[in-house]
Amino acid sequence: MKNQAKSIKILEELIRYFTCNGIVDLAVRYTSTNETLIISVSGETATPPKDIAELESLLKTPRRLEFEEYYWSLLGASTTRNELDILGTLVDDARVTYENGIMTVRVERME
């Protein structure tokens, strides 16, 4: 799968998480080089989602290279639930922060 398509799937999943949690005023930062993809999504919310700790845990699931193509095919297949557990296996690093009413999720993937 091409890097552009992977980037779009990652963005879709992060935006789905934010919108499902009522965070709709979003800012996206996207940086892509030959070596690294960094995506950061931020949004204003009076209170962080109740599952913010679980979110970070899911996104920090170790990358599984041996199943990567299969996982890419699954990501975005469901319209009824978040697939953050799958997303975590496709990125190398993730940070979730909530400060001063701003929630930010940043993921990084080495190519």
C-alpha atoms as a PDB file:
ATOM      1  CA  MET A   1       0.000   0.000   0.000  1.00  0.00           C
ATOM      2  CA  LYS A   2       1.352   3.416  -0.902  1.00  0.00           C
ATOM      3  CA  ASN A   3       2.359   5.837   1.832  1.00  0.00           C
ATOM      4  CA  GLN A   4      -0.300   8.359   0.798  1.00  0.00           C
ATOM      5  CA  ALA A   5      -3.076   5.811   1.275  1.00  0.00           C
ATOM      6  CA  LYS A   6      -1.632   4.817   4.659  1.00  0.00           C
ATOM      7  CA  SER A   7      -1.522   8.454   5.733  1.00  0.00           C
ATOM      8  CA  ILE A   8      -5.157   8.922   4.812  1.00  0.00           C
ATOM      9  CA  LYS A   9      -6.218   5.851   6.804  1.00  0.00           C
ATOM     10  CA  ILE A  10      -4.324   7.077   9.870  1.00  0.00           C
ATOM     11  CA  LEU A  11      -5.921  10.532   9.578  1.00  0.00           C
ATOM     12  CA  GLU A  12      -9.385   9.051   9.121  1.00  0.00           C
ATOM     13  CA  GLU A  13      -9.064   6.952  12.256  1.00  0.00           C
ATOM     14  CA  LEU A  14      -7.796   9.827  14.393  1.00  0.00           C
ATOM     15  CA  ILE A  15     -10.503  12.173  13.134  1.00  0.00           C
ATOM     16  CA  ARG A  16     -13.126   9.469  13.768  1.00  0.00           C
ATOM     17  CA  TYR A  17     -11.946   9.228  17.396  1.00  0.00           C
ATOM     18  CA  PHE A  18     -12.157  12.984  17.925  1.00  0.00           C
ATOM     19  CA  THR A  19     -15.568  13.394  16.313  1.00  0.00           C
ATOM     20  CA  CYS A  20     -17.018  10.376  18.161  1.00  0.00           C
ATOM     21  CA  ASN A  21     -15.966  12.093  21.386  1.00  0.00           C
ATOM     22  CA  GLY A  22     -17.643  15.377  20.452  1.00  0.00           C
ATOM     23  CA  ILE A  23     -14.410  17.197  19.596  1.00  0.00           C
ATOM     24  CA  VAL A  24     -15.181  18.823  16.261  1.00  0.00           C
ATOM     25  CA  ASP A  25     -13.031  21.980  16.045  1.00  0.00           C
ATOM     26  CA  LEU A  26      -9.859  20.229  14.888  1.00  0.00           C
ATOM     27  CA  ALA A  27      -6.404  21.260  13.758  1.00  0.00           C
ATOM     28  CA  VAL A  28      -4.311  18.775  11.795  1.00  0.00           C
ATOM     29  CA  ARG A  29      -0.561  18.868  11.278  1.00  0.00           C
ATOM     30  CA  TYR A  30       0.844  16.498   8.672  1.00  0.00           C
ATOM     31  CA  THR A  31       4.543  16.015   7.967  1.00  0.00           C
ATOM     32  CA  SER A  32       5.820  13.401   5.540  1.00  0.00           C
ATOM     33  CA  THR A  33       9.366  12.696   4.380  1.00  0.00           C
ATOM     34  CA  ASN A  34      10.961   9.637   2.811  1.00  0.00           C
ATOM     35  CA  GLU A  35      11.847   8.396   6.301  1.00  0.00           C
ATOM     36  CA  THR A  36       9.074   9.578   8.622  1.00  0.00           C
ATOM     37  CA  LEU A  37       5.379  10.311   8.752  1.00  0.00           C
ATOM     38  CA  ILE A  38       4.114  12.475  11.610  1.00  0.00           C
ATOM     39  CA  ILE A  39       0.436  13.247  12.071  1.00  0.00           C
ATOM     40  CA  SER A  40      -0.900  15.382  14.886  1.00  0.00           C
ATOM     41  CA  VAL A  41      -4.568  16.136  15.518  1.00  0.00           C
ATOM     42  CA  SER A  42      -5.670  18.651  18.157  1.00  0.00           C
ATOM     43  CA  GLY A  43      -9.045  19.870  19.307  1.00  0.00           C
ATOM     44  CA  GLU A  44     -10.647  21.932  22.021  1.00  0.00           C
ATOM     45  CA  THR A  45     -12.716  20.152  24.647  1.00  0.00           C
ATOM     46  CA  ALA A  46     -13.787  21.204  28.131  1.00  0.00           C
ATOM     47  CA  THR A  47     -13.052  17.747  29.506  1.00  0.00           C
ATOM     48  CA  PRO A  48     -10.885  14.979  28.073  1.00  0.00           C
ATOM     49  CA  PRO A  49     -12.582  11.798  26.863  1.00  0.00           C
ATOM     50  CA  LYS A  50     -12.999   9.199  29.614  1.00  0.00           C
ATOM     51  CA  ASP A  51     -10.893   6.695  27.687  1.00  0.00           C
ATOM     52  CA  ILE A  52      -7.870   8.954  27.135  1.00  0.00           C
ATOM     53  CA  ALA A  53      -5.514   6.613  29.049  1.00  0.00           C
ATOM     54  CA  GLU A  54      -6.800   3.617  27.091  1.00  0.00           C
ATOM     55  CA  LEU A  55      -6.340   5.564  23.853  1.00  0.00           C
ATOM     56  CA  GLU A  56      -2.680   6.172  24.591  1.00  0.00           C
ATOM     57  CA  SER A  57      -2.189   2.536  25.590  1.00  0.00           C
ATOM     58  CA  LEU A  58      -3.775   1.291  22.349  1.00  0.00           C
ATOM     59  CA  LEU A  59      -1.685   3.639  20.216  1.00  0.00           C
ATOM     60  CA  LYS A  60       1.502   2.498  21.927  1.00  0.00           C
ATOM     61  CA  THR A  61       0.935  -1.143  20.991  1.00  0.00           C
ATOM     62  CA  PRO A  62       4.192  -2.386  19.441  1.00  0.00           C
ATOM     63  CA  ARG A  63       4.303  -2.277  15.656  1.00  0.00           C
ATOM     64  CA  ARG A  64       3.750  -5.704  14.067  1.00  0.00           C
ATOM     65  CA  LEU A  65       5.621  -5.751  10.755  1.00  0.00           C
ATOM     66  CA  GLU A  66       4.721  -9.357  10.019  1.00  0.00           C
ATOM     67  CA  PHE A  67       0.976  -8.541   9.976  1.00  0.00           C
ATOM     68  CA  GLU A  68       1.175  -5.038   8.574  1.00  0.00           C
ATOM     69  CA  GLU A  69      -0.467  -5.549   5.172  1.00  0.00           C
ATOM     70  CA  TYR A  70      -3.323  -7.481   6.763  1.00  0.00           C
ATOM     71  CA  TYR A  71      -3.862  -4.767   9.398  1.00  0.00           C
ATOM     72  CA  TRP A  72      -3.875  -2.047   6.738  1.00  0.00           C
ATOM     73  CA  SER A  73      -6.700  -3.865   4.988  1.00  0.00           C
ATOM     74  CA  LEU A  74      -8.689  -3.964   8.249  1.00  0.00           C
ATOM     75  CA  LEU A  75      -8.182  -0.313   9.194  1.00  0.00           C
ATOM     76  CA  GLY A  76     -11.221   1.687   8.187  1.00  0.00           C
ATOM     77  CA  ALA A  77     -13.275  -1.412   7.359  1.00  0.00           C
ATOM     78  CA  SER A  78     -15.715  -0.810  10.212  1.00  0.00           C
ATOM     79  CA  THR A  79     -17.930   2.249  10.332  1.00  0.00           C
ATOM     80  CA  THR A  80     -19.378   1.360  13.724  1.00  0.00           C
ATOM     81  CA  ARG A  81     -16.314   1.379  15.993  1.00  0.00           C
ATOM     82  CA  ASN A  82     -12.908   2.907  16.412  1.00  0.00           C
ATOM     83  CA  GLU A  83     -10.028   0.740  15.292  1.00  0.00           C
ATOM     84  CA  LEU A  84      -7.358   2.311  17.458  1.00  0.00           C
ATOM     85  CA  ASP A  85      -6.058  -1.103  18.504  1.00  0.00           C
ATOM     86  CA  ILE A  86      -5.199  -1.781  14.871  1.00  0.00           C
ATOM     87  CA  LEU A  87      -3.786   1.707  14.356  1.00  0.00           C
ATOM     88  CA  GLY A  88      -1.400   1.198  17.269  1.00  0.00           C
ATOM     89  CA  THR A  89       0.201  -1.773  15.517  1.00  0.00           C
ATOM     90  CA  LEU A  90       0.892   0.378  12.445  1.00  0.00           C
ATOM     91  CA  VAL A  91       2.724   3.314  14.052  1.00  0.00           C
ATOM     92  CA  ASP A  92       6.065   3.475  15.835  1.00  0.00           C
ATOM     93  CA  ASP A  93       5.324   6.128  18.441  1.00  0.00           C
ATOM     94  CA  ALA A  94       2.302   7.926  19.855  1.00  0.00           C
ATOM     95  CA  ARG A  95       1.642  10.676  22.361  1.00  0.00           C
ATOM     96  CA  VAL A  96      -1.674  11.761  23.793  1.00  0.00           C
ATOM     97  CA  THR A  97      -1.865  14.997  25.773  1.00  0.00           C
ATOM     98  CA  TYR A  98      -4.570  17.126  27.337  1.00  0.00           C
ATOM     99  CA  GLU A  99      -3.546  20.584  28.486  1.00  0.00           C
ATOM    100  CA  ASN A 100      -5.539  23.792  28.952  1.00  0.00           C
ATOM    101  CA  GLY A 101      -8.619  22.396  27.228  1.00  0.00           C
ATOM    102  CA  ILE A 102      -6.703  21.119  24.169  1.00  0.00           C
ATOM    103  CA  MET A 103      -6.423  17.422  23.427  1.00  0.00           C
ATOM    104  CA  THR A 104      -3.659  16.355  21.046  1.00  0.00           C
ATOM    105  CA  VAL A 105      -2.860  12.974  19.556  1.00  0.00           C
ATOM    106  CA  ARG A 106       0.459  12.678  17.716  1.00  0.00           C
ATOM    107  CA  VAL A 107       1.545   9.528  15.889  1.00  0.00           C
ATOM    108  CA  GLU A 108       4.804   8.809  14.132  1.00  0.00           C
ATOM    109  CA  ARG A 109       5.627   6.117  11.625  1.00  0.00           C
ATOM    110  CA  MET A 110       9.077   5.294  10.269  1.00  0.00           C
ATOM    111  CA  GLU A 111       9.069   4.232   6.635  1.00  0.00           C
END
